[in-house]
Amino acid sequence: MEVNYGPAPPKEDFQSRGPRGGGGGSDSSKSEQGKVLEARVVYARETGRSRGFGFVTYGSTENLNNALSSLNGADLDGRNIRVSVAEERPRRF
């Protein structure tokens, strides 16, 4: 999982799809780490299965730092997860 803070990115920036939902819209919700502006799981085009990562956008740097400190290395169903700040990628047109 990679995390950002600030306004949610435009929907066309993501290649997420698949039959299982979880792809989030722009509904705001609250997590233990703070206000979530957007959460998105990335799916493989060929199979429709999750690629094993996603993106979460938080409303503030404080929420971002809470997620980094409490979730990086945390156990999720027997696996340690890695949480980092997402790097900005150039937009494709």
PDB file of N, CA and C in Angstrom:
ATOM      1  N   MET A   1       0.851  -1.158   0.000  1.00  0.00           N
ATOM      2  CA  MET A   1       0.000   0.000   0.000  1.00  0.00           C
ATOM      3  C   MET A   1       0.896   1.219   0.000  1.00  0.00           C
ATOM      4  N   GLU A   2       0.585   2.180  -0.814  1.00  0.00           N
ATOM      5  CA  GLU A   2       1.287   3.445  -0.808  1.00  0.00           C
ATOM      6  C   GLU A   2       0.287   4.510  -0.388  1.00  0.00           C
ATOM      7  N   VAL A   3       0.770   5.522   0.296  1.00  0.00           N
ATOM      8  CA  VAL A   3      -0.129   6.542   0.807  1.00  0.00           C
ATOM      9  C   VAL A   3       0.279   7.919   0.327  1.00  0.00           C
ATOM     10  N   ASN A   4      -0.693   8.780   0.182  1.00  0.00           N
ATOM     11  CA  ASN A   4      -0.513  10.183  -0.182  1.00  0.00           C
ATOM     12  C   ASN A   4      -1.305  11.030   0.794  1.00  0.00           C
ATOM     13  N   TYR A   5      -1.086  12.324   0.732  1.00  0.00           N
ATOM     14  CA  TYR A   5      -1.983  13.230   1.426  1.00  0.00           C
ATOM     15  C   TYR A   5      -2.363  14.330   0.462  1.00  0.00           C
ATOM     16  N   GLY A   6      -3.486  14.975   0.730  1.00  0.00           N
ATOM     17  CA  GLY A   6      -3.942  16.050  -0.135  1.00  0.00           C
ATOM     18  C   GLY A   6      -5.197  15.649  -0.860  1.00  0.00           C
ATOM     19  N   PRO A   7      -5.550  16.421  -1.909  1.00  0.00           N
ATOM     20  CA  PRO A   7      -6.784  16.094  -2.631  1.00  0.00           C
ATOM     21  C   PRO A   7      -6.644  14.770  -3.369  1.00  0.00           C
ATOM     22  N   ALA A   8      -7.747  14.085  -3.511  1.00  0.00           N
ATOM     23  CA  ALA A   8      -7.740  12.802  -4.213  1.00  0.00           C
ATOM     24  C   ALA A   8      -7.367  13.021  -5.674  1.00  0.00           C
ATOM     25  N   PRO A   9      -6.549  12.114  -6.259  1.00  0.00           N
ATOM     26  CA  PRO A   9      -6.170  12.261  -7.660  1.00  0.00           C
ATOM     27  C   PRO A   9      -7.349  11.995  -8.575  1.00  0.00           C
ATOM     28  N   PRO A  10      -7.296  12.532  -9.814  1.00  0.00           N
ATOM     29  CA  PRO A  10      -8.385  12.254 -10.763  1.00  0.00           C
ATOM     30  C   PRO A  10      -8.504  10.762 -11.029  1.00  0.00           C
ATOM     31  N   LYS A  11      -9.721  10.290 -11.222  1.00  0.00           N
ATOM     32  CA  LYS A  11      -9.967   8.861 -11.410  1.00  0.00           C
ATOM     33  C   LYS A  11      -9.224   8.288 -12.611  1.00  0.00           C
ATOM     34  N   GLU A  12      -9.015   9.057 -13.677  1.00  0.00           N
ATOM     35  CA  GLU A  12      -8.369   8.498 -14.860  1.00  0.00           C
ATOM     36  C   GLU A  12      -6.889   8.222 -14.656  1.00  0.00           C
ATOM     37  N   ASP A  13      -6.299   8.630 -13.532  1.00  0.00           N
ATOM     38  CA  ASP A  13      -4.894   8.366 -13.251  1.00  0.00           C
ATOM     39  C   ASP A  13      -4.632   6.921 -12.863  1.00  0.00           C
ATOM     40  N   PHE A  14      -5.677   6.147 -12.582  1.00  0.00           N
ATOM     41  CA  PHE A  14      -5.490   4.787 -12.087  1.00  0.00           C
ATOM     42  C   PHE A  14      -5.960   3.771 -13.093  1.00  0.00           C
ATOM     43  N   GLN A  15      -5.250   2.655 -13.179  1.00  0.00           N
ATOM     44  CA  GLN A  15      -5.650   1.525 -13.999  1.00  0.00           C
ATOM     45  C   GLN A  15      -6.190   0.462 -13.051  1.00  0.00           C
ATOM     46  N   SER A  16      -7.298   0.737 -12.404  1.00  0.00           N
ATOM     47  CA  SER A  16      -7.830  -0.260 -11.472  1.00  0.00           C
ATOM     48  C   SER A  16      -9.153  -0.771 -11.997  1.00  0.00           C
ATOM     49  N   ARG A  17      -9.311  -2.049 -11.914  1.00  0.00           N
ATOM     50  CA  ARG A  17     -10.533  -2.668 -12.371  1.00  0.00           C
ATOM     51  C   ARG A  17     -10.608  -4.075 -11.846  1.00  0.00           C
ATOM     52  N   GLY A  18     -11.727  -4.691 -12.062  1.00  0.00           N
ATOM     53  CA  GLY A  18     -11.871  -6.062 -11.630  1.00  0.00           C
ATOM     54  C   GLY A  18     -13.253  -6.298 -11.097  1.00  0.00           C
ATOM     55  N   PRO A  19     -13.647  -7.535 -10.999  1.00  0.00           N
ATOM     56  CA  PRO A  19     -15.009  -7.851 -10.620  1.00  0.00           C
ATOM     57  C   PRO A  19     -15.297  -7.691  -9.140  1.00  0.00           C
ATOM     58  N   ARG A  20     -14.259  -7.499  -8.317  1.00  0.00           N
ATOM     59  CA  ARG A  20     -14.482  -7.545  -6.880  1.00  0.00           C
ATOM     60  C   ARG A  20     -14.650  -6.204  -6.209  1.00  0.00           C
ATOM     61  N   GLY A  21     -14.855  -5.148  -6.901  1.00  0.00           N
ATOM     62  CA  GLY A  21     -15.008  -3.864  -6.224  1.00  0.00           C
ATOM     63  C   GLY A  21     -13.754  -3.510  -5.471  1.00  0.00           C
ATOM     64  N   GLY A  22     -13.886  -2.854  -4.330  1.00  0.00           N
ATOM     65  CA  GLY A  22     -12.734  -2.462  -3.553  1.00  0.00           C
ATOM     66  C   GLY A  22     -11.977  -1.343  -4.211  1.00  0.00           C
ATOM     67  N   GLY A  23     -12.450  -0.871  -5.329  1.00  0.00           N
ATOM     68  CA  GLY A  23     -11.759   0.155  -6.071  1.00  0.00           C
ATOM     69  C   GLY A  23     -12.079   1.547  -5.600  1.00  0.00           C
ATOM     70  N   GLY A  24     -12.828   1.714  -4.645  1.00  0.00           N
ATOM     71  CA  GLY A  24     -13.044   2.965  -3.968  1.00  0.00           C
ATOM     72  C   GLY A  24     -13.642   4.063  -4.788  1.00  0.00           C
ATOM     73  N   GLY A  25     -14.316   4.940  -4.684  1.00  0.00           N
ATOM     74  CA  GLY A  25     -14.630   6.166  -5.393  1.00  0.00           C
ATOM     75  C   GLY A  25     -13.978   7.275  -4.659  1.00  0.00           C
ATOM     76  N   SER A  26     -14.677   8.359  -4.503  1.00  0.00           N
ATOM     77  CA  SER A  26     -14.071   9.456  -3.785  1.00  0.00           C
ATOM     78  C   SER A  26     -14.798   9.695  -2.461  1.00  0.00           C
ATOM     79  N   ASP A  27     -15.525   8.711  -1.972  1.00  0.00           N
ATOM     80  CA  ASP A  27     -16.208   8.850  -0.690  1.00  0.00           C
ATOM     81  C   ASP A  27     -15.187   8.982   0.423  1.00  0.00           C
ATOM     82  N   SER A  28     -15.417   9.965   1.306  1.00  0.00           N
ATOM     83  CA  SER A  28     -14.522  10.125   2.449  1.00  0.00           C
ATOM     84  C   SER A  28     -14.939   9.175   3.549  1.00  0.00           C
ATOM     85  N   SER A  29     -13.980   8.607   4.232  1.00  0.00           N
ATOM     86  CA  SER A  29     -14.274   7.760   5.372  1.00  0.00           C
ATOM     87  C   SER A  29     -13.178   7.956   6.401  1.00  0.00           C
ATOM     88  N   LYS A  30     -13.364   7.377   7.561  1.00  0.00           N
ATOM     89  CA  LYS A  30     -12.426   7.534   8.652  1.00  0.00           C
ATOM     90  C   LYS A  30     -11.802   6.183   8.953  1.00  0.00           C
ATOM     91  N   SER A  31     -10.478   6.156   9.067  1.00  0.00           N
ATOM     92  CA  SER A  31      -9.785   4.946   9.484  1.00  0.00           C
ATOM     93  C   SER A  31      -9.140   5.229  10.827  1.00  0.00           C
ATOM     94  N   GLU A  32      -8.495   4.239  11.405  1.00  0.00           N
ATOM     95  CA  GLU A  32      -7.798   4.452  12.671  1.00  0.00           C
ATOM     96  C   GLU A  32      -6.691   5.483  12.521  1.00  0.00           C
ATOM     97  N   GLN A  33      -6.180   5.654  11.304  1.00  0.00           N
ATOM     98  CA  GLN A  33      -5.085   6.581  11.068  1.00  0.00           C
ATOM     99  C   GLN A  33      -5.568   7.975  10.712  1.00  0.00           C
ATOM    100  N   GLY A  34      -6.832   8.148  10.397  1.00  0.00           N
ATOM    101  CA  GLY A  34      -7.375   9.466  10.063  1.00  0.00           C
ATOM    102  C   GLY A  34      -8.323   9.414   8.888  1.00  0.00           C
ATOM    103  N   LYS A  35      -8.628  10.592   8.351  1.00  0.00           N
ATOM    104  CA  LYS A  35      -9.602  10.713   7.270  1.00  0.00           C
ATOM    105  C   LYS A  35      -9.016  10.215   5.952  1.00  0.00           C
ATOM    106  N   VAL A  36      -9.716   9.255   5.337  1.00  0.00           N
ATOM    107  CA  VAL A  36      -9.315   8.696   4.050  1.00  0.00           C
ATOM    108  C   VAL A  36     -10.132   9.402   2.970  1.00  0.00           C
ATOM    109  N   LEU A  37      -9.430  10.039   2.023  1.00  0.00           N
ATOM    110  CA  LEU A  37     -10.116  10.697   0.914  1.00  0.00           C
ATOM    111  C   LEU A  37     -10.411   9.731  -0.218  1.00  0.00           C
ATOM    112  N   GLU A  38      -9.497   8.791  -0.444  1.00  0.00           N
ATOM    113  CA  GLU A  38      -9.698   7.799  -1.499  1.00  0.00           C
ATOM    114  C   GLU A  38      -8.854   6.574  -1.202  1.00  0.00           C
ATOM    115  N   ALA A  39      -9.371   5.402  -1.543  1.00  0.00           N
ATOM    116  CA  ALA A  39      -8.626   4.144  -1.430  1.00  0.00           C
ATOM    117  C   ALA A  39      -8.888   3.356  -2.702  1.00  0.00           C
ATOM    118  N   ARG A  40      -7.821   2.819  -3.266  1.00  0.00           N
ATOM    119  CA  ARG A  40      -7.954   2.132  -4.536  1.00  0.00           C
ATOM    120  C   ARG A  40      -7.051   0.909  -4.588  1.00  0.00           C
ATOM    121  N   VAL A  41      -7.599  -0.233  -5.009  1.00  0.00           N
ATOM    122  CA  VAL A  41      -6.845  -1.464  -5.230  1.00  0.00           C
ATOM    123  C   VAL A  41      -6.539  -1.538  -6.722  1.00  0.00           C
ATOM    124  N   VAL A  42      -5.330  -1.946  -7.091  1.00  0.00           N
ATOM    125  CA  VAL A  42      -4.945  -2.047  -8.497  1.00  0.00           C
ATOM    126  C   VAL A  42      -5.100  -3.495  -8.946  1.00  0.00           C
ATOM    127  N   TYR A  43      -5.751  -3.681 -10.098  1.00  0.00           N
ATOM    128  CA  TYR A  43      -6.038  -5.008 -10.638  1.00  0.00           C
ATOM    129  C   TYR A  43      -5.264  -5.242 -11.936  1.00  0.00           C
ATOM    130  N   ALA A  44      -4.936  -6.494 -12.205  1.00  0.00           N
ATOM    131  CA  ALA A  44      -4.287  -6.885 -13.457  1.00  0.00           C
ATOM    132  C   ALA A  44      -5.323  -6.881 -14.574  1.00  0.00           C
ATOM    133  N   ARG A  45      -4.990  -6.294 -15.690  1.00  0.00           N
ATOM    134  CA  ARG A  45      -5.921  -6.243 -16.823  1.00  0.00           C
ATOM    135  C   ARG A  45      -6.269  -7.631 -17.336  1.00  0.00           C
ATOM    136  N   GLU A  46      -5.264  -8.498 -17.414  1.00  0.00           N
ATOM    137  CA  GLU A  46      -5.457  -9.817 -18.015  1.00  0.00           C
ATOM    138  C   GLU A  46      -6.368 -10.722 -17.194  1.00  0.00           C
ATOM    139  N   THR A  47      -6.210 -10.695 -15.878  1.00  0.00           N
ATOM    140  CA  THR A  47      -6.927 -11.648 -15.030  1.00  0.00           C
ATOM    141  C   THR A  47      -8.049 -11.031 -14.202  1.00  0.00           C
ATOM    142  N   GLY A  48      -8.010  -9.713 -13.997  1.00  0.00           N
ATOM    143  CA  GLY A  48      -9.002  -9.079 -13.138  1.00  0.00           C
ATOM    144  C   GLY A  48      -8.715  -9.281 -11.659  1.00  0.00           C
ATOM    145  N   ARG A  49      -7.573  -9.914 -11.349  1.00  0.00           N
ATOM    146  CA  ARG A  49      -7.199 -10.150  -9.952  1.00  0.00           C
ATOM    147  C   ARG A  49      -6.366  -8.996  -9.419  1.00  0.00           C
ATOM    148  N   SER A  50      -6.406  -8.835  -8.117  1.00  0.00           N
ATOM    149  CA  SER A  50      -5.601  -7.795  -7.476  1.00  0.00           C
ATOM    150  C   SER A  50      -4.122  -8.025  -7.757  1.00  0.00           C
ATOM    151  N   ARG A  51      -3.388  -6.950  -7.997  1.00  0.00           N
ATOM    152  CA  ARG A  51      -1.948  -7.049  -8.203  1.00  0.00           C
ATOM    153  C   ARG A  51      -1.203  -7.021  -6.877  1.00  0.00           C
ATOM    154  N   GLY A  52      -1.918  -6.937  -5.772  1.00  0.00           N
ATOM    155  CA  GLY A  52      -1.295  -7.020  -4.457  1.00  0.00           C
ATOM    156  C   GLY A  52      -0.902  -5.684  -3.868  1.00  0.00           C
ATOM    157  N   PHE A  53      -1.352  -4.595  -4.476  1.00  0.00           N
ATOM    158  CA  PHE A  53      -1.063  -3.287  -3.916  1.00  0.00           C
ATOM    159  C   PHE A  53      -2.194  -2.322  -4.247  1.00  0.00           C
ATOM    160  N   GLY A  54      -2.156  -1.203  -3.580  1.00  0.00           N
ATOM    161  CA  GLY A  54      -3.167  -0.185  -3.805  1.00  0.00           C
ATOM    162  C   GLY A  54      -2.667   1.158  -3.317  1.00  0.00           C
ATOM    163  N   PHE A  55      -3.518   2.142  -3.384  1.00  0.00           N
ATOM    164  CA  PHE A  55      -3.176   3.499  -2.999  1.00  0.00           C
ATOM    165  C   PHE A  55      -4.241   4.049  -2.058  1.00  0.00           C
ATOM    166  N   VAL A  56      -3.795   4.769  -1.046  1.00  0.00           N
ATOM    167  CA  VAL A  56      -4.699   5.413  -0.098  1.00  0.00           C
ATOM    168  C   VAL A  56      -4.310   6.880  -0.037  1.00  0.00           C
ATOM    169  N   THR A  57      -5.290   7.771  -0.132  1.00  0.00           N
ATOM    170  CA  THR A  57      -5.042   9.200  -0.014  1.00  0.00           C
ATOM    171  C   THR A  57      -5.672   9.682   1.281  1.00  0.00           C
ATOM    172  N   TYR A  58      -4.843  10.236   2.160  1.00  0.00           N
ATOM    173  CA  TYR A  58      -5.302  10.793   3.435  1.00  0.00           C
ATOM    174  C   TYR A  58      -5.478  12.299   3.322  1.00  0.00           C
ATOM    175  N   GLY A  59      -6.237  12.867   4.243  1.00  0.00           N
ATOM    176  CA  GLY A  59      -6.559  14.287   4.217  1.00  0.00           C
ATOM    177  C   GLY A  59      -5.492  15.205   4.769  1.00  0.00           C
ATOM    178  N   SER A  60      -4.477  14.669   5.451  1.00  0.00           N
ATOM    179  CA  SER A  60      -3.459  15.536   6.031  1.00  0.00           C
ATOM    180  C   SER A  60      -2.142  14.790   6.192  1.00  0.00           C
ATOM    181  N   THR A  61      -1.069  15.541   6.373  1.00  0.00           N
ATOM    182  CA  THR A  61       0.231  14.912   6.612  1.00  0.00           C
ATOM    183  C   THR A  61       0.238  14.180   7.942  1.00  0.00           C
ATOM    184  N   GLU A  62      -0.521  14.665   8.914  1.00  0.00           N
ATOM    185  CA  GLU A  62      -0.600  13.975  10.210  1.00  0.00           C
ATOM    186  C   GLU A  62      -1.191  12.577  10.033  1.00  0.00           C
ATOM    187  N   ASN A  63      -2.283  12.486   9.261  1.00  0.00           N
ATOM    188  CA  ASN A  63      -2.893  11.181   8.991  1.00  0.00           C
ATOM    189  C   ASN A  63      -1.937  10.285   8.209  1.00  0.00           C
ATOM    190  N   LEU A  64      -1.236  10.862   7.245  1.00  0.00           N
ATOM    191  CA  LEU A  64      -0.249  10.115   6.472  1.00  0.00           C
ATOM    192  C   LEU A  64       0.828   9.548   7.376  1.00  0.00           C
ATOM    193  N   ASN A  65       1.374  10.377   8.257  1.00  0.00           N
ATOM    194  CA  ASN A  65       2.423   9.913   9.171  1.00  0.00           C
ATOM    195  C   ASN A  65       1.911   8.859  10.141  1.00  0.00           C
ATOM    196  N   ASN A  66       0.653   8.982  10.588  1.00  0.00           N
ATOM    197  CA  ASN A  66       0.052   7.950  11.449  1.00  0.00           C
ATOM    198  C   ASN A  66       0.000   6.611  10.718  1.00  0.00           C
ATOM    199  N   ALA A  67      -0.401   6.632   9.450  1.00  0.00           N
ATOM    200  CA  ALA A  67      -0.477   5.396   8.666  1.00  0.00           C
ATOM    201  C   ALA A  67       0.913   4.794   8.481  1.00  0.00           C
ATOM    202  N   LEU A  68       1.891   5.629   8.153  1.00  0.00           N
ATOM    203  CA  LEU A  68       3.250   5.132   7.955  1.00  0.00           C
ATOM    204  C   LEU A  68       3.795   4.478   9.216  1.00  0.00           C
ATOM    205  N   SER A  69       3.631   5.143  10.356  1.00  0.00           N
ATOM    206  CA  SER A  69       4.224   4.618  11.586  1.00  0.00           C
ATOM    207  C   SER A  69       3.476   3.408  12.140  1.00  0.00           C
ATOM    208  N   SER A  70       2.173   3.335  11.952  1.00  0.00           N
ATOM    209  CA  SER A  70       1.429   2.232  12.553  1.00  0.00           C
ATOM    210  C   SER A  70       1.205   1.045  11.619  1.00  0.00           C
ATOM    211  N   LEU A  71       1.257   1.256  10.306  1.00  0.00           N
ATOM    212  CA  LEU A  71       0.942   0.167   9.385  1.00  0.00           C
ATOM    213  C   LEU A  71       2.147  -0.451   8.698  1.00  0.00           C
ATOM    214  N   ASN A  72       3.233   0.285   8.526  1.00  0.00           N
ATOM    215  CA  ASN A  72       4.390  -0.279   7.841  1.00  0.00           C
ATOM    216  C   ASN A  72       4.960  -1.437   8.658  1.00  0.00           C
ATOM    217  N   GLY A  73       5.016  -2.607   8.061  1.00  0.00           N
ATOM    218  CA  GLY A  73       5.503  -3.808   8.735  1.00  0.00           C
ATOM    219  C   GLY A  73       4.446  -4.540   9.543  1.00  0.00           C
ATOM    220  N   ALA A  74       3.216  -4.024   9.563  1.00  0.00           N
ATOM    221  CA  ALA A  74       2.138  -4.675  10.316  1.00  0.00           C
ATOM    222  C   ALA A  74       1.752  -6.001   9.667  1.00  0.00           C
ATOM    223  N   ASP A  75       1.240  -6.915  10.458  1.00  0.00           N
ATOM    224  CA  ASP A  75       0.802  -8.227   9.979  1.00  0.00           C
ATOM    225  C   ASP A  75      -0.613  -8.119   9.424  1.00  0.00           C
ATOM    226  N   LEU A  76      -0.811  -8.619   8.219  1.00  0.00           N
ATOM    227  CA  LEU A  76      -2.133  -8.685   7.602  1.00  0.00           C
ATOM    228  C   LEU A  76      -2.318 -10.096   7.085  1.00  0.00           C
ATOM    229  N   ASP A  77      -3.148 -10.847   7.766  1.00  0.00           N
ATOM    230  CA  ASP A  77      -3.405 -12.247   7.391  1.00  0.00           C
ATOM    231  C   ASP A  77      -2.118 -13.059   7.249  1.00  0.00           C
ATOM    232  N   GLY A  78      -1.205 -12.883   8.195  1.00  0.00           N
ATOM    233  CA  GLY A  78       0.021 -13.669   8.214  1.00  0.00           C
ATOM    234  C   GLY A  78       1.152 -13.130   7.346  1.00  0.00           C
ATOM    235  N   ARG A  79       0.944 -11.967   6.728  1.00  0.00           N
ATOM    236  CA  ARG A  79       1.980 -11.363   5.894  1.00  0.00           C
ATOM    237  C   ARG A  79       2.263  -9.951   6.383  1.00  0.00           C
ATOM    238  N   ASN A  80       3.528  -9.581   6.393  1.00  0.00           N
ATOM    239  CA  ASN A  80       3.890  -8.213   6.749  1.00  0.00           C
ATOM    240  C   ASN A  80       3.652  -7.310   5.549  1.00  0.00           C
ATOM    241  N   ILE A  81       2.979  -6.197   5.784  1.00  0.00           N
ATOM    242  CA  ILE A  81       2.718  -5.269   4.686  1.00  0.00           C
ATOM    243  C   ILE A  81       3.742  -4.143   4.688  1.00  0.00           C
ATOM    244  N   ARG A  82       3.970  -3.597   3.515  1.00  0.00           N
ATOM    245  CA  ARG A  82       4.887  -2.469   3.378  1.00  0.00           C
ATOM    246  C   ARG A  82       4.069  -1.243   3.019  1.00  0.00           C
ATOM    247  N   VAL A  83       4.266  -0.175   3.752  1.00  0.00           N
ATOM    248  CA  VAL A  83       3.566   1.078   3.512  1.00  0.00           C
ATOM    249  C   VAL A  83       4.615   2.143   3.258  1.00  0.00           C
ATOM    250  N   SER A  84       4.456   2.881   2.164  1.00  0.00           N
ATOM    251  CA  SER A  84       5.398   3.948   1.835  1.00  0.00           C
ATOM    252  C   SER A  84       4.655   5.091   1.161  1.00  0.00           C
ATOM    253  N   VAL A  85       5.329   6.224   1.070  1.00  0.00           N
ATOM    254  CA  VAL A  85       4.752   7.379   0.388  1.00  0.00           C
ATOM    255  C   VAL A  85       4.857   7.127  -1.114  1.00  0.00           C
ATOM    256  N   ALA A  86       3.757   7.325  -1.816  1.00  0.00           N
ATOM    257  CA  ALA A  86       3.733   7.095  -3.260  1.00  0.00           C
ATOM    258  C   ALA A  86       4.571   8.152  -3.970  1.00  0.00           C
ATOM    259  N   GLU A  87       5.306   7.696  -4.956  1.00  0.00           N
ATOM    260  CA  GLU A  87       6.063   8.619  -5.790  1.00  0.00           C
ATOM    261  C   GLU A  87       5.151   9.124  -6.890  1.00  0.00           C
ATOM    262  N   GLU A  88       5.287  10.392  -7.214  1.00  0.00           N
ATOM    263  CA  GLU A  88       4.467  10.936  -8.272  1.00  0.00           C
ATOM    264  C   GLU A  88       4.950  10.449  -9.613  1.00  0.00           C
ATOM    265  N   ARG A  89       4.021  10.028 -10.434  1.00  0.00           N
ATOM    266  CA  ARG A  89       4.341   9.547 -11.769  1.00  0.00           C
ATOM    267  C   ARG A  89       3.866  10.553 -12.806  1.00  0.00           C
ATOM    268  N   PRO A  90       4.546  10.647 -13.952  1.00  0.00           N
ATOM    269  CA  PRO A  90       4.069  11.545 -15.002  1.00  0.00           C
ATOM    270  C   PRO A  90       2.721  11.072 -15.515  1.00  0.00           C
ATOM    271  N   ARG A  91       1.886  12.010 -15.854  1.00  0.00           N
ATOM    272  CA  ARG A  91       0.566  11.668 -16.375  1.00  0.00           C
ATOM    273  C   ARG A  91       0.672  11.205 -17.823  1.00  0.00           C
ATOM    274  N   ARG A  92      -0.159  10.219 -18.163  1.00  0.00           N
ATOM    275  CA  ARG A  92      -0.213   9.722 -19.545  1.00  0.00           C
ATOM    276  C   ARG A  92      -1.408  10.349 -20.237  1.00  0.00           C
ATOM    277  N   PHE A  93      -1.217  10.775 -21.442  1.00  0.00           N
ATOM    278  CA  PHE A  93      -2.331  11.388 -22.187  1.00  0.00           C
ATOM    279  C   PHE A  93      -2.657  10.590 -23.412  1.00  0.00           C
TER     280      PHE A  93
END
